[in-house]
Amino acid sequence: MQTSKIIIIAGPTASGKSGLSMDLAKSLNGVIINADSMQVYKDIPILAATPSKKDQQQVPHKLYSIYDASYHGNVVEWATLCKEEIKKAFSNNEVPIITGGTGMYIEALTQGLTPIPETSIETRNNVDEMLKDKGLDYLYQYLEKIDPETHSRLAPNDTTRIRRAIEIYLDTQKTLTYWHSVPLKTFYPKDRFIKVYINPSRPELDTRLRKRFDIMIEKGAVDEVRELLKKNLKDTLPSMRALGVPELKLYLEHKLTLEEAIALAKLHTRQYAKRQSTWFNNRFKQDHLYTSCYEHDNFFVDDIKKTL
């Protein structure tokens, strides 16, 4: 099918985004482009719920399992790669279907990027050492001195964003507040996108999340984490913070029983899904809203195709 539209499928984890993308791609001669910040890592396909090899053989999938777990992916690099894949899709008369639950990625593509230069590995390592030696409270107080406005917006336990703000300042000598004042770098006109949001009820999603994690355990999630730990990676890397990895790591270190680790992982996954829904509810203006998980219902596909 020939179209200039780019389809975005967003929603919390386990809502059925991958299934809807598959069915849409089959119906539209589409290519699925990953917008999940954990599915870019090849070492954690089970816990990241990366599409199976069978699915990837049936329909073209892009930007899945492209990085080693030791790599620190970022939104700027993802957006650049995604733009390239969209261009290839159009040149092949394929419909690009961007799928994932990482709101920051989707917002960067649809709204634009702040042109913040990527920070150096050396700077990231230096901030890691500061965190290790002096603690998060010190970093939070340091951020207040260099960038009071960003400090006021961040919770004192928001390690990732506190570190990021300090890294940007140390690398560029300009604050995150300054960079947020610079006009966004946009990629496409907003009317190029058809934005789909799957937002099921909390009880429906919780049930799916619990069942899915049990299936992950059956598929070998513990062994997946065991192999990951052999790389002796820093806990601050994105791959090491993937849902299920920290909890199963505690089990493998004999700090939790397997049952306790599974229960904790399920809890954290449900909390994460709730945060995703809150983010999309507040910041994602959809063209199509579906309030139940996707279960291969033809209505979803037919409804979306009407707007192409």
Protein backbone atom coordinates (compact mmCIF):
# COMPACT_ATOMS: atom_id res chain seq x y z
CA MET A 1 0.00 0.00 0.00
CA GLN A 2 1.36 3.42 -0.93
CA THR A 3 0.94 6.15 1.68
CA SER A 4 2.93 9.01 3.17
CA LYS A 5 1.61 8.30 6.66
CA ILE A 6 3.68 6.96 9.57
CA ILE A 7 1.75 4.82 12.05
CA ILE A 8 2.64 5.06 15.74
CA ILE A 9 1.37 2.35 18.11
CA ALA A 10 1.87 3.28 21.75
CA GLY A 11 0.74 2.01 25.12
CA PRO A 12 1.89 0.27 28.29
CA THR A 13 3.83 -2.96 28.27
CA ALA A 14 1.78 -6.12 27.56
CA SER A 15 -1.14 -4.18 26.02
CA GLY A 16 -0.83 -5.97 22.68
CA LYS A 17 1.19 -3.44 20.67
CA SER A 18 3.38 -6.07 18.99
CA GLY A 19 0.40 -8.18 17.97
CA LEU A 20 -1.42 -5.20 16.49
CA SER A 21 1.73 -4.15 14.65
CA MET A 22 2.10 -7.62 13.18
CA ASP A 23 -1.48 -7.76 11.93
CA LEU A 24 -1.31 -4.23 10.55
CA ALA A 25 1.99 -4.92 8.81
CA LYS A 26 0.59 -8.05 7.17
CA SER A 27 -2.46 -6.15 5.98
CA LEU A 28 -0.60 -3.05 4.75
CA ASN A 29 2.75 -4.35 3.49
CA GLY A 30 4.26 -2.72 6.53
CA VAL A 31 7.60 -2.74 8.30
CA ILE A 32 7.72 -2.66 12.12
CA ILE A 33 10.23 -0.27 13.68
CA ASN A 34 11.04 -0.68 17.35
CA ALA A 35 10.41 2.21 19.78
CA ASP A 36 11.18 0.33 23.00
CA SER A 37 14.39 1.29 24.79
CA MET A 38 14.94 -2.26 26.11
CA GLN A 39 14.18 -4.22 22.94
CA VAL A 40 17.23 -2.65 21.31
CA TYR A 41 19.44 -4.95 23.46
CA LYS A 42 20.19 -8.39 22.08
CA ASP A 43 21.13 -9.96 25.44
CA ILE A 44 17.65 -9.79 26.99
CA PRO A 45 15.11 -10.92 24.36
CA ILE A 46 12.98 -12.81 26.90
CA LEU A 47 12.67 -10.12 29.57
CA ALA A 48 12.39 -7.32 27.00
CA ALA A 49 9.58 -9.25 25.24
CA THR A 50 11.37 -8.86 21.93
CA PRO A 51 9.34 -10.24 18.98
CA SER A 52 10.17 -13.88 18.27
CA LYS A 53 12.37 -15.01 15.40
CA LYS A 54 9.24 -16.51 13.81
CA ASP A 55 7.46 -13.14 13.90
CA GLN A 56 10.54 -11.37 12.54
CA GLN A 57 10.68 -13.83 9.64
CA GLN A 58 7.03 -13.18 8.76
CA VAL A 59 7.24 -9.37 8.77
CA PRO A 60 10.26 -7.03 8.52
CA HIS A 61 11.34 -5.82 11.96
CA LYS A 62 13.87 -3.02 12.41
CA LEU A 63 15.93 -1.69 15.36
CA TYR A 64 15.44 -4.81 17.48
CA SER A 65 18.44 -6.43 19.23
CA ILE A 66 20.89 -3.99 17.67
CA TYR A 67 23.06 -3.29 20.72
CA ASP A 68 25.16 -5.32 23.09
CA ALA A 69 24.13 -5.05 26.74
CA SER A 70 27.29 -3.06 27.45
CA TYR A 71 26.14 -0.24 25.17
CA HIS A 72 24.38 2.85 26.51
CA GLY A 73 21.69 3.64 23.95
CA ASN A 74 20.12 7.10 23.75
CA VAL A 75 17.12 8.81 22.25
CA VAL A 76 19.10 10.95 19.78
CA GLU A 77 20.75 7.92 18.22
CA TRP A 78 17.46 6.02 18.14
CA ALA A 79 15.63 8.89 16.43
CA THR A 80 18.35 9.12 13.78
CA LEU A 81 18.21 5.38 13.10
CA CYS A 82 14.41 5.43 13.08
CA LYS A 83 14.35 8.23 10.52
CA GLU A 84 16.65 6.17 8.28
CA GLU A 85 14.37 3.13 8.56
CA ILE A 86 11.29 5.22 7.76
CA LYS A 87 13.03 6.54 4.64
CA LYS A 88 13.90 2.98 3.55
CA ALA A 89 10.30 1.86 4.15
CA PHE A 90 8.88 4.58 1.91
CA SER A 91 11.45 3.83 -0.80
CA ASN A 92 10.27 0.19 -0.72
CA ASN A 93 6.58 1.19 -0.78
CA GLU A 94 6.19 -0.18 2.75
CA VAL A 95 4.16 1.42 5.55
CA PRO A 96 6.37 2.31 8.56
CA ILE A 97 4.78 1.17 11.82
CA ILE A 98 6.58 2.55 14.88
CA THR A 99 5.83 0.38 17.92
CA GLY A 100 6.85 0.66 21.54
CA GLY A 101 6.21 1.89 25.03
CA THR A 102 9.11 4.32 25.46
CA GLY A 103 7.34 7.65 25.46
CA MET A 104 10.55 9.64 25.20
CA TYR A 105 11.40 7.92 21.91
CA ILE A 106 7.95 8.44 20.44
CA GLU A 107 7.79 12.06 21.55
CA ALA A 108 11.21 12.76 20.03
CA LEU A 109 10.05 11.41 16.67
CA THR A 110 6.65 13.10 16.63
CA GLN A 111 7.38 16.39 18.44
CA GLY A 112 11.10 16.90 17.87
CA LEU A 113 14.38 16.72 19.76
CA THR A 114 16.19 19.22 21.88
CA PRO A 115 19.58 19.50 20.11
CA ILE A 116 21.60 18.40 23.15
CA PRO A 117 24.96 16.92 22.11
CA GLU A 118 25.47 13.33 23.23
CA THR A 119 27.65 13.19 26.33
CA SER A 120 30.99 11.42 26.23
CA ILE A 121 31.70 8.02 27.78
CA GLU A 122 34.39 9.67 29.90
CA THR A 123 31.90 12.11 31.40
CA ARG A 124 29.36 9.37 32.06
CA ASN A 125 32.04 7.31 33.80
CA ASN A 126 33.10 10.32 35.89
CA VAL A 127 29.54 10.89 37.07
CA ASP A 128 29.24 7.18 37.81
CA GLU A 129 32.29 7.48 40.05
CA MET A 130 30.83 10.55 41.76
CA LEU A 131 27.65 8.61 42.44
CA LYS A 132 29.57 5.63 43.78
CA ASP A 133 31.98 7.65 45.96
CA LYS A 134 29.75 10.45 47.24
CA GLY A 135 26.19 9.18 46.85
CA LEU A 136 23.00 10.41 45.24
CA ASP A 137 22.38 13.13 47.84
CA TYR A 138 25.65 14.78 46.87
CA LEU A 139 24.73 14.71 43.18
CA TYR A 140 21.31 16.16 43.96
CA GLN A 141 22.86 19.03 45.95
CA TYR A 142 25.43 19.61 43.21
CA LEU A 143 22.63 19.83 40.64
CA GLU A 144 20.94 22.50 42.77
CA LYS A 145 24.09 24.64 42.54
CA ILE A 146 24.56 24.33 38.78
CA ASP A 147 20.94 24.16 37.58
CA PRO A 148 18.36 25.17 40.22
CA GLU A 149 15.42 24.98 37.80
CA THR A 150 16.09 21.38 36.77
CA HIS A 151 16.78 20.51 40.41
CA SER A 152 13.35 21.81 41.43
CA ARG A 153 11.66 19.56 38.86
CA LEU A 154 13.38 16.31 39.85
CA ALA A 155 12.69 14.07 42.81
CA PRO A 156 15.75 13.44 45.03
CA ASN A 157 15.66 9.72 44.19
CA ASP A 158 15.48 10.18 40.39
CA THR A 159 18.98 8.83 39.81
CA THR A 160 18.78 8.60 36.02
CA ARG A 161 17.64 12.17 35.38
CA ILE A 162 19.90 13.69 38.04
CA ARG A 163 22.92 11.97 36.49
CA ARG A 164 21.86 12.98 33.00
CA ALA A 165 21.48 16.67 33.93
CA ILE A 166 24.95 16.74 35.51
CA GLU A 167 26.52 14.89 32.57
CA ILE A 168 25.09 17.43 30.13
CA TYR A 169 26.40 20.35 32.19
CA LEU A 170 29.88 18.87 32.57
CA ASP A 171 30.12 18.02 28.87
CA THR A 172 28.64 21.20 27.37
CA GLN A 173 29.10 23.80 30.15
CA LYS A 174 25.44 24.61 29.63
CA THR A 175 22.55 23.52 31.85
CA LEU A 176 19.68 21.25 30.91
CA THR A 177 17.42 24.27 31.49
CA TYR A 178 19.32 26.13 28.76
CA TRP A 179 19.08 23.23 26.31
CA HIS A 180 15.34 22.97 26.90
CA SER A 181 15.02 26.63 25.84
CA VAL A 182 16.55 25.90 22.42
CA PRO A 183 13.98 25.28 19.62
CA LEU A 184 13.25 21.62 18.93
CA LYS A 185 14.70 19.89 15.91
CA THR A 186 11.70 18.35 14.15
CA PHE A 187 11.76 15.42 11.73
CA TYR A 188 8.30 15.34 10.14
CA PRO A 189 5.17 17.50 9.97
CA LYS A 190 2.72 16.43 12.67
CA ASP A 191 0.05 15.50 10.12
CA ARG A 192 2.29 12.72 8.78
CA PHE A 193 1.52 10.59 11.84
CA ILE A 194 -1.41 8.34 12.64
CA LYS A 195 -1.16 7.86 16.40
CA VAL A 196 -2.70 4.80 18.04
CA TYR A 197 -2.96 4.39 21.80
CA ILE A 198 -3.89 1.13 23.52
CA ASN A 199 -4.95 1.96 27.06
CA PRO A 200 -6.62 -1.05 28.73
CA SER A 201 -8.14 -1.11 32.19
CA ARG A 202 -5.75 -1.67 35.08
CA PRO A 203 -7.21 -5.07 36.09
CA GLU A 204 -7.03 -6.40 32.52
CA LEU A 205 -3.44 -5.26 32.10
CA ASP A 206 -2.33 -6.53 35.54
CA THR A 207 -3.63 -10.00 34.71
CA ARG A 208 -1.72 -10.05 31.44
CA LEU A 209 1.45 -8.77 33.09
CA ARG A 210 1.43 -11.50 35.75
CA LYS A 211 0.81 -14.24 33.18
CA ARG A 212 3.46 -12.86 30.84
CA PHE A 213 6.15 -12.84 33.50
CA ASP A 214 5.35 -16.46 34.40
CA ILE A 215 5.81 -17.32 30.72
CA MET A 216 9.13 -15.44 30.69
CA ILE A 217 10.33 -17.58 33.59
CA GLU A 218 9.25 -20.74 31.74
CA LYS A 219 11.13 -19.59 28.63
CA GLY A 220 14.39 -19.21 30.56
CA ALA A 221 14.52 -15.67 31.98
CA VAL A 222 16.66 -16.83 34.91
CA ASP A 223 19.29 -18.28 32.57
CA GLU A 224 19.12 -15.11 30.48
CA VAL A 225 20.06 -13.02 33.53
CA ARG A 226 22.68 -15.56 34.59
CA GLU A 227 24.42 -15.13 31.21
CA LEU A 228 24.06 -11.36 31.42
CA LEU A 229 25.78 -11.28 34.81
CA LYS A 230 28.80 -13.06 33.36
CA LYS A 231 29.58 -9.81 31.51
CA ASN A 232 30.16 -8.00 34.84
CA LEU A 233 28.37 -4.89 33.62
CA LYS A 234 27.61 -1.79 35.67
CA ASP A 235 24.17 -1.79 37.27
CA THR A 236 23.63 1.71 35.90
CA LEU A 237 23.51 0.52 32.28
CA PRO A 238 20.02 0.49 30.72
CA SER A 239 20.16 -3.25 29.99
CA MET A 240 20.86 -3.97 33.67
CA ARG A 241 17.79 -1.99 34.69
CA ALA A 242 15.39 -3.84 32.38
CA LEU A 243 12.26 -5.12 34.11
CA GLY A 244 13.08 -8.45 35.76
CA VAL A 245 16.86 -8.15 35.56
CA PRO A 246 17.54 -6.52 38.98
CA GLU A 247 15.07 -8.85 40.73
CA LEU A 248 16.39 -12.07 39.19
CA LYS A 249 19.93 -10.82 39.87
CA LEU A 250 19.04 -10.70 43.57
CA TYR A 251 17.83 -14.30 43.32
CA LEU A 252 21.05 -15.42 41.62
CA GLU A 253 23.03 -13.64 44.34
CA HIS A 254 21.05 -15.64 46.94
CA LYS A 255 19.48 -12.49 48.38
CA LEU A 256 15.91 -13.48 47.48
CA THR A 257 14.14 -16.74 46.84
CA LEU A 258 12.92 -17.26 43.28
CA GLU A 259 9.33 -16.79 44.44
CA GLU A 260 10.24 -13.48 46.11
CA ALA A 261 12.14 -12.29 43.04
CA ILE A 262 9.22 -13.13 40.75
CA ALA A 263 6.72 -11.38 43.03
CA LEU A 264 8.94 -8.28 43.19
CA ALA A 265 9.44 -8.24 39.42
CA LYS A 266 5.70 -8.48 38.84
CA LEU A 267 5.12 -5.60 41.26
CA HIS A 268 7.74 -3.41 39.58
CA THR A 269 6.36 -4.28 36.14
CA ARG A 270 2.83 -3.27 37.16
CA GLN A 271 4.17 -0.02 38.62
CA TYR A 272 6.08 0.67 35.42
CA ALA A 273 3.01 0.01 33.27
CA LYS A 274 1.04 2.46 35.41
CA ARG A 275 3.72 5.12 34.89
CA GLN A 276 3.63 4.47 31.14
CA SER A 277 -0.15 4.93 31.05
CA THR A 278 0.10 8.14 33.05
CA TRP A 279 2.75 9.49 30.68
CA PHE A 280 0.77 8.68 27.54
CA ASN A 281 -2.48 9.98 29.06
CA ASN A 282 -0.82 13.33 29.71
CA ARG A 283 1.46 13.74 26.69
CA PHE A 284 0.29 11.59 23.78
CA LYS A 285 -2.53 12.98 21.66
CA GLN A 286 -3.85 9.95 19.81
CA ASP A 287 -5.97 9.62 16.69
CA HIS A 288 -7.24 6.19 17.74
CA LEU A 289 -7.87 5.13 21.34
CA TYR A 290 -8.60 1.52 22.29
CA THR A 291 -9.51 0.71 25.88
CA SER A 292 -8.85 -3.02 25.83
CA CYS A 293 -5.74 -5.06 25.08
CA TYR A 294 -5.31 -6.14 21.50
CA GLU A 295 -6.34 -9.76 20.94
CA HIS A 296 -6.23 -9.98 17.14
CA ASP A 297 -9.52 -8.12 16.80
CA ASN A 298 -10.06 -7.15 13.16
CA PHE A 299 -11.85 -4.00 14.28
CA PHE A 300 -8.57 -2.41 15.38
CA VAL A 301 -6.90 -3.03 12.00
CA ASP A 302 -9.90 -1.98 9.91
CA ASP A 303 -10.41 1.15 12.01
CA ILE A 304 -6.81 2.29 11.61
CA LYS A 305 -6.77 1.56 7.87
CA LYS A 306 -9.67 3.97 7.36
CA THR A 307 -7.39 6.92 8.21
CA LEU A 308 -4.63 6.04 5.74
